[in-house]
N, C-alpha and C. Protein backbone atom coordinates (compact mmCIF):
# COMPACT_ATOMS: atom_id res chain seq x y z
N MET A 1 -78.12 -8.53 66.60
CA MET A 1 -79.06 -8.48 65.51
C MET A 1 -80.40 -9.04 66.01
N ARG A 2 -81.45 -8.36 65.60
CA ARG A 2 -82.80 -8.83 65.91
C ARG A 2 -83.53 -9.01 64.59
N GLU A 3 -84.37 -10.03 64.54
CA GLU A 3 -85.15 -10.22 63.33
C GLU A 3 -86.48 -10.85 63.65
N GLY A 4 -87.45 -10.60 62.77
CA GLY A 4 -88.77 -11.17 62.95
C GLY A 4 -89.82 -10.34 62.23
N TRP A 5 -91.06 -10.76 62.41
CA TRP A 5 -92.20 -10.12 61.75
C TRP A 5 -92.70 -8.94 62.57
N TRP A 6 -93.13 -7.93 61.88
CA TRP A 6 -93.90 -6.82 62.44
C TRP A 6 -94.96 -6.50 61.43
N ASN A 7 -96.21 -6.72 61.80
CA ASN A 7 -97.32 -6.66 60.86
C ASN A 7 -97.04 -7.64 59.72
N ASP A 8 -97.06 -7.20 58.48
CA ASP A 8 -96.85 -8.10 57.35
C ASP A 8 -95.43 -8.07 56.80
N ASP A 9 -94.53 -7.40 57.48
CA ASP A 9 -93.16 -7.24 56.98
C ASP A 9 -92.16 -7.97 57.87
N TYR A 10 -91.16 -8.57 57.24
CA TYR A 10 -90.07 -9.21 57.97
C TYR A 10 -88.92 -8.22 58.07
N TYR A 11 -88.40 -8.05 59.27
CA TYR A 11 -87.31 -7.10 59.53
C TYR A 11 -86.08 -7.83 60.04
N ILE A 12 -84.94 -7.31 59.66
CA ILE A 12 -83.65 -7.66 60.27
C ILE A 12 -83.05 -6.34 60.71
N LEU A 13 -82.81 -6.19 61.99
CA LEU A 13 -82.27 -4.95 62.54
C LEU A 13 -80.91 -5.24 63.16
N PHE A 14 -79.90 -4.54 62.68
CA PHE A 14 -78.55 -4.76 63.16
C PHE A 14 -78.32 -4.02 64.47
N ASP A 15 -77.55 -4.65 65.36
CA ASP A 15 -77.13 -3.98 66.59
C ASP A 15 -76.17 -2.86 66.20
N GLU A 16 -76.13 -1.82 67.01
CA GLU A 16 -75.25 -0.68 66.71
C GLU A 16 -73.81 -1.12 66.52
N SER A 17 -73.39 -2.16 67.25
CA SER A 17 -72.01 -2.65 67.12
C SER A 17 -71.75 -3.32 65.76
N GLU A 18 -72.78 -3.66 65.02
CA GLU A 18 -72.65 -4.32 63.72
C GLU A 18 -72.73 -3.35 62.55
N VAL A 19 -73.22 -2.15 62.78
CA VAL A 19 -73.56 -1.22 61.69
C VAL A 19 -72.36 -0.91 60.80
N LYS A 20 -71.23 -0.58 61.37
CA LYS A 20 -70.06 -0.22 60.55
C LYS A 20 -69.63 -1.40 59.67
N GLN A 21 -69.51 -2.58 60.26
CA GLN A 21 -69.08 -3.76 59.51
C GLN A 21 -70.08 -4.10 58.40
N ARG A 22 -71.37 -4.06 58.69
CA ARG A 22 -72.39 -4.39 57.68
C ARG A 22 -72.38 -3.34 56.56
N THR A 23 -72.19 -2.08 56.92
CA THR A 23 -72.13 -1.00 55.93
C THR A 23 -71.01 -1.25 54.94
N GLU A 24 -69.85 -1.63 55.46
CA GLU A 24 -68.70 -1.91 54.59
C GLU A 24 -68.91 -3.19 53.79
N ARG A 25 -69.40 -4.23 54.46
CA ARG A 25 -69.57 -5.52 53.80
C ARG A 25 -70.55 -5.43 52.63
N TYR A 26 -71.61 -4.65 52.79
CA TYR A 26 -72.60 -4.50 51.72
C TYR A 26 -72.20 -3.45 50.68
N GLY A 27 -71.17 -2.66 50.95
CA GLY A 27 -70.76 -1.63 50.01
C GLY A 27 -71.63 -0.39 50.07
N VAL A 28 -72.41 -0.24 51.13
CA VAL A 28 -73.28 0.93 51.26
C VAL A 28 -72.46 2.21 51.29
N ASP A 29 -71.30 2.17 51.93
CA ASP A 29 -70.44 3.35 52.01
C ASP A 29 -69.94 3.78 50.64
N ARG A 30 -69.84 2.86 49.69
CA ARG A 30 -69.41 3.21 48.32
C ARG A 30 -70.55 3.76 47.48
N HIS A 31 -71.72 3.15 47.58
CA HIS A 31 -72.85 3.52 46.73
C HIS A 31 -73.71 4.63 47.32
N LEU A 32 -73.71 4.76 48.63
CA LEU A 32 -74.47 5.81 49.31
C LEU A 32 -73.56 6.49 50.34
N PRO A 33 -72.60 7.29 49.88
CA PRO A 33 -71.68 7.93 50.82
C PRO A 33 -72.45 8.73 51.89
N GLY A 34 -71.99 8.58 53.13
CA GLY A 34 -72.63 9.29 54.23
C GLY A 34 -73.77 8.52 54.89
N PHE A 35 -74.10 7.35 54.36
CA PHE A 35 -75.17 6.52 54.92
C PHE A 35 -74.59 5.25 55.53
N THR A 36 -75.30 4.72 56.51
CA THR A 36 -74.96 3.43 57.10
C THR A 36 -76.19 2.54 57.04
N VAL A 37 -75.97 1.23 56.93
CA VAL A 37 -77.09 0.29 56.90
C VAL A 37 -77.38 -0.13 58.34
N VAL A 38 -78.65 -0.01 58.73
CA VAL A 38 -79.04 -0.38 60.09
C VAL A 38 -79.96 -1.60 60.11
N GLY A 39 -80.40 -2.03 58.91
CA GLY A 39 -81.26 -3.20 58.87
C GLY A 39 -81.83 -3.45 57.50
N MET A 40 -82.80 -4.36 57.47
CA MET A 40 -83.49 -4.71 56.24
C MET A 40 -84.98 -4.81 56.52
N LYS A 41 -85.76 -4.50 55.50
CA LYS A 41 -87.21 -4.62 55.57
C LYS A 41 -87.66 -5.47 54.39
N THR A 42 -88.37 -6.54 54.67
CA THR A 42 -88.93 -7.45 53.67
C THR A 42 -87.89 -8.02 52.71
N TRP A 43 -86.68 -8.20 53.16
CA TRP A 43 -85.59 -8.84 52.41
C TRP A 43 -85.16 -8.05 51.18
N ASP A 44 -86.01 -7.22 50.61
CA ASP A 44 -85.67 -6.49 49.38
C ASP A 44 -85.09 -5.11 49.63
N ASP A 45 -85.33 -4.55 50.79
CA ASP A 45 -84.93 -3.16 51.05
C ASP A 45 -84.02 -3.07 52.26
N PHE A 46 -83.01 -2.21 52.13
CA PHE A 46 -82.19 -1.84 53.28
C PHE A 46 -82.89 -0.71 54.03
N ILE A 47 -82.67 -0.66 55.32
CA ILE A 47 -82.98 0.52 56.13
C ILE A 47 -81.64 1.19 56.36
N VAL A 48 -81.50 2.43 55.89
CA VAL A 48 -80.24 3.15 56.02
C VAL A 48 -80.47 4.43 56.82
N ARG A 49 -79.36 4.94 57.36
CA ARG A 49 -79.40 6.14 58.20
C ARG A 49 -78.39 7.13 57.66
N ASP A 50 -78.80 8.40 57.58
CA ASP A 50 -77.86 9.43 57.12
C ASP A 50 -77.12 10.02 58.32
N GLY A 51 -76.28 11.00 58.06
CA GLY A 51 -75.47 11.62 59.10
C GLY A 51 -76.28 12.36 60.16
N HIS A 52 -77.54 12.68 59.84
CA HIS A 52 -78.43 13.36 60.80
C HIS A 52 -79.32 12.35 61.53
N ARG A 53 -79.06 11.06 61.30
CA ARG A 53 -79.78 9.95 61.91
C ARG A 53 -81.20 9.78 61.38
N ALA A 54 -81.50 10.43 60.23
CA ALA A 54 -82.79 10.21 59.58
C ALA A 54 -82.75 8.85 58.89
N LEU A 55 -83.87 8.15 58.89
CA LEU A 55 -83.95 6.81 58.33
C LEU A 55 -84.62 6.81 56.96
N PHE A 56 -84.12 5.92 56.10
CA PHE A 56 -84.65 5.77 54.74
C PHE A 56 -84.69 4.29 54.40
N VAL A 57 -85.51 3.95 53.41
CA VAL A 57 -85.44 2.62 52.81
C VAL A 57 -84.93 2.80 51.39
N VAL A 58 -84.22 1.80 50.92
CA VAL A 58 -83.65 1.82 49.58
C VAL A 58 -83.52 0.36 49.14
N PRO A 59 -83.81 0.07 47.86
CA PRO A 59 -83.64 -1.32 47.41
C PRO A 59 -82.20 -1.79 47.61
N THR A 60 -82.05 -3.06 47.87
CA THR A 60 -80.69 -3.60 47.98
C THR A 60 -79.99 -3.54 46.63
N VAL A 61 -80.76 -3.67 45.54
CA VAL A 61 -80.27 -3.53 44.17
C VAL A 61 -81.36 -2.84 43.36
N PRO A 62 -81.12 -1.67 42.79
CA PRO A 62 -79.89 -0.90 42.79
C PRO A 62 -79.81 -0.01 44.03
N LEU A 63 -78.64 0.05 44.56
CA LEU A 63 -78.36 0.84 45.76
C LEU A 63 -77.90 2.22 45.31
N THR A 64 -78.89 3.10 45.04
CA THR A 64 -78.59 4.43 44.50
C THR A 64 -79.35 5.50 45.27
N PRO A 65 -78.78 6.71 45.35
CA PRO A 65 -79.45 7.80 46.06
C PRO A 65 -80.85 8.12 45.53
N ARG A 66 -81.06 7.96 44.23
CA ARG A 66 -82.38 8.33 43.68
C ARG A 66 -83.50 7.41 44.14
N HIS A 67 -83.17 6.25 44.69
CA HIS A 67 -84.19 5.32 45.17
C HIS A 67 -84.45 5.43 46.68
N LEU A 68 -83.78 6.37 47.35
CA LEU A 68 -84.01 6.56 48.79
C LEU A 68 -85.42 7.08 49.05
N LYS A 69 -86.09 6.50 50.04
CA LYS A 69 -87.42 6.97 50.47
C LYS A 69 -87.39 7.12 51.98
N PRO A 70 -87.88 8.26 52.49
CA PRO A 70 -87.88 8.47 53.95
C PRO A 70 -88.67 7.38 54.68
N LEU A 71 -88.15 7.02 55.82
CA LEU A 71 -88.82 6.05 56.70
C LEU A 71 -88.88 6.69 58.07
N GLY A 72 -90.06 7.01 58.53
CA GLY A 72 -90.18 7.61 59.85
C GLY A 72 -89.77 6.65 60.94
N ALA A 73 -89.28 7.19 62.04
CA ALA A 73 -88.84 6.35 63.17
C ALA A 73 -89.97 5.46 63.67
N ALA A 74 -91.21 5.93 63.51
CA ALA A 74 -92.36 5.13 63.95
C ALA A 74 -92.50 3.85 63.12
N ASN A 75 -91.84 3.80 61.96
CA ASN A 75 -91.92 2.63 61.11
C ASN A 75 -90.83 1.61 61.36
N VAL A 76 -90.01 1.84 62.39
CA VAL A 76 -89.00 0.86 62.77
C VAL A 76 -89.48 0.21 64.07
N PRO A 77 -89.86 -1.04 63.98
CA PRO A 77 -90.46 -1.70 65.14
C PRO A 77 -89.46 -2.01 66.25
N GLU A 78 -89.94 -1.97 67.45
CA GLU A 78 -89.14 -2.37 68.61
C GLU A 78 -89.36 -3.85 68.91
N ASP A 79 -90.61 -4.27 68.86
CA ASP A 79 -90.95 -5.66 69.19
C ASP A 79 -91.22 -6.43 67.91
N LEU A 80 -90.40 -7.43 67.66
CA LEU A 80 -90.56 -8.27 66.49
C LEU A 80 -91.01 -9.66 66.92
N SER A 81 -91.86 -10.27 66.12
CA SER A 81 -92.30 -11.64 66.39
C SER A 81 -91.32 -12.60 65.72
N ARG A 82 -90.54 -13.28 66.53
CA ARG A 82 -89.54 -14.20 66.00
C ARG A 82 -90.20 -15.32 65.21
N ASP A 83 -89.47 -15.78 64.20
CA ASP A 83 -89.94 -16.87 63.36
C ASP A 83 -88.71 -17.70 62.98
N ALA A 84 -88.51 -18.80 63.67
CA ALA A 84 -87.30 -19.62 63.50
C ALA A 84 -87.12 -20.11 62.07
N ARG A 85 -88.21 -20.19 61.31
CA ARG A 85 -88.09 -20.67 59.92
C ARG A 85 -87.21 -19.75 59.08
N TRP A 86 -87.17 -18.45 59.39
CA TRP A 86 -86.49 -17.49 58.54
C TRP A 86 -85.23 -16.91 59.17
N GLU A 87 -84.96 -17.21 60.42
CA GLU A 87 -83.81 -16.60 61.09
C GLU A 87 -82.51 -16.96 60.37
N GLY A 88 -81.71 -15.92 60.11
CA GLY A 88 -80.43 -16.11 59.45
C GLY A 88 -80.53 -16.34 57.95
N LYS A 89 -81.73 -16.17 57.38
CA LYS A 89 -81.93 -16.40 55.95
C LYS A 89 -82.45 -15.13 55.28
N ILE A 90 -82.10 -15.00 54.02
CA ILE A 90 -82.56 -13.88 53.20
C ILE A 90 -83.20 -14.44 51.95
N LYS A 91 -84.39 -13.95 51.61
CA LYS A 91 -84.99 -14.31 50.33
C LYS A 91 -84.30 -13.48 49.25
N TRP A 92 -83.79 -14.15 48.24
CA TRP A 92 -83.01 -13.48 47.20
C TRP A 92 -83.59 -13.79 45.83
N TRP A 93 -83.70 -12.75 45.01
CA TRP A 93 -84.09 -12.92 43.61
C TRP A 93 -82.85 -13.33 42.83
N ILE A 94 -82.85 -14.49 42.23
CA ILE A 94 -81.70 -14.98 41.49
C ILE A 94 -81.33 -13.99 40.38
N LYS A 95 -82.35 -13.52 39.67
CA LYS A 95 -82.15 -12.43 38.71
C LYS A 95 -82.90 -11.24 39.31
N PRO A 96 -82.17 -10.23 39.84
CA PRO A 96 -82.84 -9.11 40.49
C PRO A 96 -83.88 -8.44 39.58
N LEU A 97 -84.89 -7.89 40.21
CA LEU A 97 -86.01 -7.31 39.48
C LEU A 97 -85.58 -6.20 38.53
N ILE A 98 -84.61 -5.38 38.93
CA ILE A 98 -84.13 -4.28 38.09
C ILE A 98 -83.50 -4.80 36.80
N PHE A 99 -83.07 -6.05 36.81
CA PHE A 99 -82.47 -6.68 35.63
C PHE A 99 -83.48 -7.55 34.88
N GLY A 100 -84.75 -7.41 35.22
CA GLY A 100 -85.80 -8.15 34.52
C GLY A 100 -86.26 -9.43 35.18
N GLY A 101 -85.80 -9.68 36.40
CA GLY A 101 -86.25 -10.88 37.12
C GLY A 101 -87.74 -10.80 37.42
N ASP A 102 -88.40 -11.93 37.40
CA ASP A 102 -89.84 -12.01 37.61
C ASP A 102 -90.15 -12.42 39.05
N PRO A 103 -90.79 -11.53 39.83
CA PRO A 103 -91.10 -11.89 41.21
C PRO A 103 -92.18 -12.97 41.34
N GLN A 104 -92.91 -13.24 40.26
CA GLN A 104 -93.96 -14.27 40.28
C GLN A 104 -93.42 -15.65 39.91
N ASP A 105 -92.21 -15.70 39.40
CA ASP A 105 -91.61 -16.96 38.97
C ASP A 105 -90.94 -17.63 40.17
N PRO A 106 -91.46 -18.76 40.64
CA PRO A 106 -90.88 -19.42 41.82
C PRO A 106 -89.43 -19.85 41.62
N SER A 107 -89.01 -20.06 40.38
CA SER A 107 -87.62 -20.47 40.14
C SER A 107 -86.66 -19.28 40.21
N ASN A 108 -87.19 -18.06 40.39
CA ASN A 108 -86.34 -16.87 40.47
C ASN A 108 -86.00 -16.49 41.91
N SER A 109 -86.38 -17.29 42.88
CA SER A 109 -86.02 -16.95 44.26
C SER A 109 -85.39 -18.14 44.96
N THR A 110 -84.55 -17.81 45.94
CA THR A 110 -83.89 -18.82 46.74
C THR A 110 -83.62 -18.21 48.12
N TRP A 111 -83.22 -19.05 49.06
CA TRP A 111 -82.89 -18.59 50.41
C TRP A 111 -81.38 -18.70 50.59
N ILE A 112 -80.78 -17.61 51.07
CA ILE A 112 -79.33 -17.56 51.23
C ILE A 112 -78.97 -17.03 52.61
N SER A 113 -77.70 -17.16 52.98
CA SER A 113 -77.21 -16.65 54.26
C SER A 113 -76.93 -15.15 54.16
N LEU A 114 -76.74 -14.51 55.29
CA LEU A 114 -76.38 -13.09 55.31
C LEU A 114 -75.05 -12.84 54.59
N GLU A 115 -74.10 -13.72 54.76
CA GLU A 115 -72.80 -13.55 54.09
C GLU A 115 -72.95 -13.66 52.58
N GLU A 116 -73.70 -14.66 52.11
CA GLU A 116 -73.95 -14.78 50.68
C GLU A 116 -74.68 -13.54 50.17
N HIS A 117 -75.62 -13.05 50.96
CA HIS A 117 -76.39 -11.87 50.58
C HIS A 117 -75.47 -10.67 50.37
N ALA A 118 -74.55 -10.47 51.28
CA ALA A 118 -73.61 -9.33 51.16
C ALA A 118 -72.80 -9.45 49.87
N GLN A 119 -72.32 -10.64 49.56
CA GLN A 119 -71.53 -10.84 48.34
C GLN A 119 -72.37 -10.57 47.09
N LEU A 120 -73.59 -11.07 47.07
CA LEU A 120 -74.45 -10.87 45.90
C LEU A 120 -74.89 -9.42 45.75
N VAL A 121 -75.20 -8.76 46.84
CA VAL A 121 -75.58 -7.34 46.78
C VAL A 121 -74.44 -6.52 46.20
N ARG A 122 -73.23 -6.76 46.66
CA ARG A 122 -72.07 -6.03 46.12
C ARG A 122 -71.88 -6.31 44.63
N TRP A 123 -71.95 -7.60 44.25
CA TRP A 123 -71.72 -7.97 42.86
C TRP A 123 -72.75 -7.33 41.93
N TRP A 124 -74.04 -7.45 42.28
CA TRP A 124 -75.09 -6.91 41.42
C TRP A 124 -75.06 -5.38 41.39
N ASN A 125 -74.73 -4.73 42.50
CA ASN A 125 -74.63 -3.27 42.47
C ASN A 125 -73.43 -2.80 41.66
N ASP A 126 -72.33 -3.53 41.70
CA ASP A 126 -71.19 -3.19 40.84
C ASP A 126 -71.57 -3.37 39.37
N LYS A 127 -72.30 -4.45 39.06
CA LYS A 127 -72.76 -4.69 37.70
C LYS A 127 -73.70 -3.57 37.25
N TYR A 128 -74.59 -3.16 38.11
CA TYR A 128 -75.51 -2.06 37.79
C TYR A 128 -74.74 -0.78 37.48
N GLN A 129 -73.73 -0.46 38.31
CA GLN A 129 -72.93 0.74 38.08
C GLN A 129 -72.15 0.66 36.77
N GLU A 130 -71.64 -0.52 36.42
CA GLU A 130 -70.95 -0.71 35.15
C GLU A 130 -71.87 -0.37 33.98
N ILE A 131 -73.09 -0.88 34.04
CA ILE A 131 -74.06 -0.65 32.97
C ILE A 131 -74.41 0.83 32.87
N VAL A 132 -74.64 1.47 34.01
CA VAL A 132 -74.95 2.90 34.01
C VAL A 132 -73.78 3.70 33.45
N ALA A 133 -72.57 3.37 33.86
CA ALA A 133 -71.37 4.08 33.38
C ALA A 133 -71.18 3.91 31.88
N ALA A 134 -71.62 2.78 31.34
CA ALA A 134 -71.48 2.52 29.91
C ALA A 134 -72.63 3.15 29.11
N GLY A 135 -73.53 3.84 29.82
CA GLY A 135 -74.63 4.52 29.13
C GLY A 135 -75.88 3.67 28.97
N GLY A 136 -75.94 2.55 29.71
CA GLY A 136 -77.09 1.64 29.59
C GLY A 136 -78.23 1.96 30.48
C-alpha cells in the first residue's frame, strides 16, 4: 500500500496483492459487482476498477453504480508525498453526508484505522440499501 499527497488530494493506493482482500472487506463486490477497489482519493471516495481495467471514483457511502464517475489513468499518481501524520488513518464522517451529516461541523469527523473504516463502510452501505429497499 502506498499513501500520501498528490497536489491537494490525499491518496491511498492498494498493492495489487491487496486488491481482492480489500474488495471483499469493503463489500465492493456486493454493491458494485464486477468492480474491485484499488484505492482511495481524499478519504471520501474509492478508486475502483472494472473488468476492462477502466478506473472510476465512487463515494464510499453510498457505494452505488449511479455514483460512478470515470477517472482517467492520468489522474492516478505514481509519486505521492508521504505525510506521517495521516499514514494508516482515514478521515471519517461520523454521520455520513448522504444521511445528513454536516461536513462543516468539526464534531462530525474523526480519524479511524483502515480496519474500522472497512467495518463502517459496510455497515453504512447496508443501512443505505435497507432504506432504498424500503422505498426511502
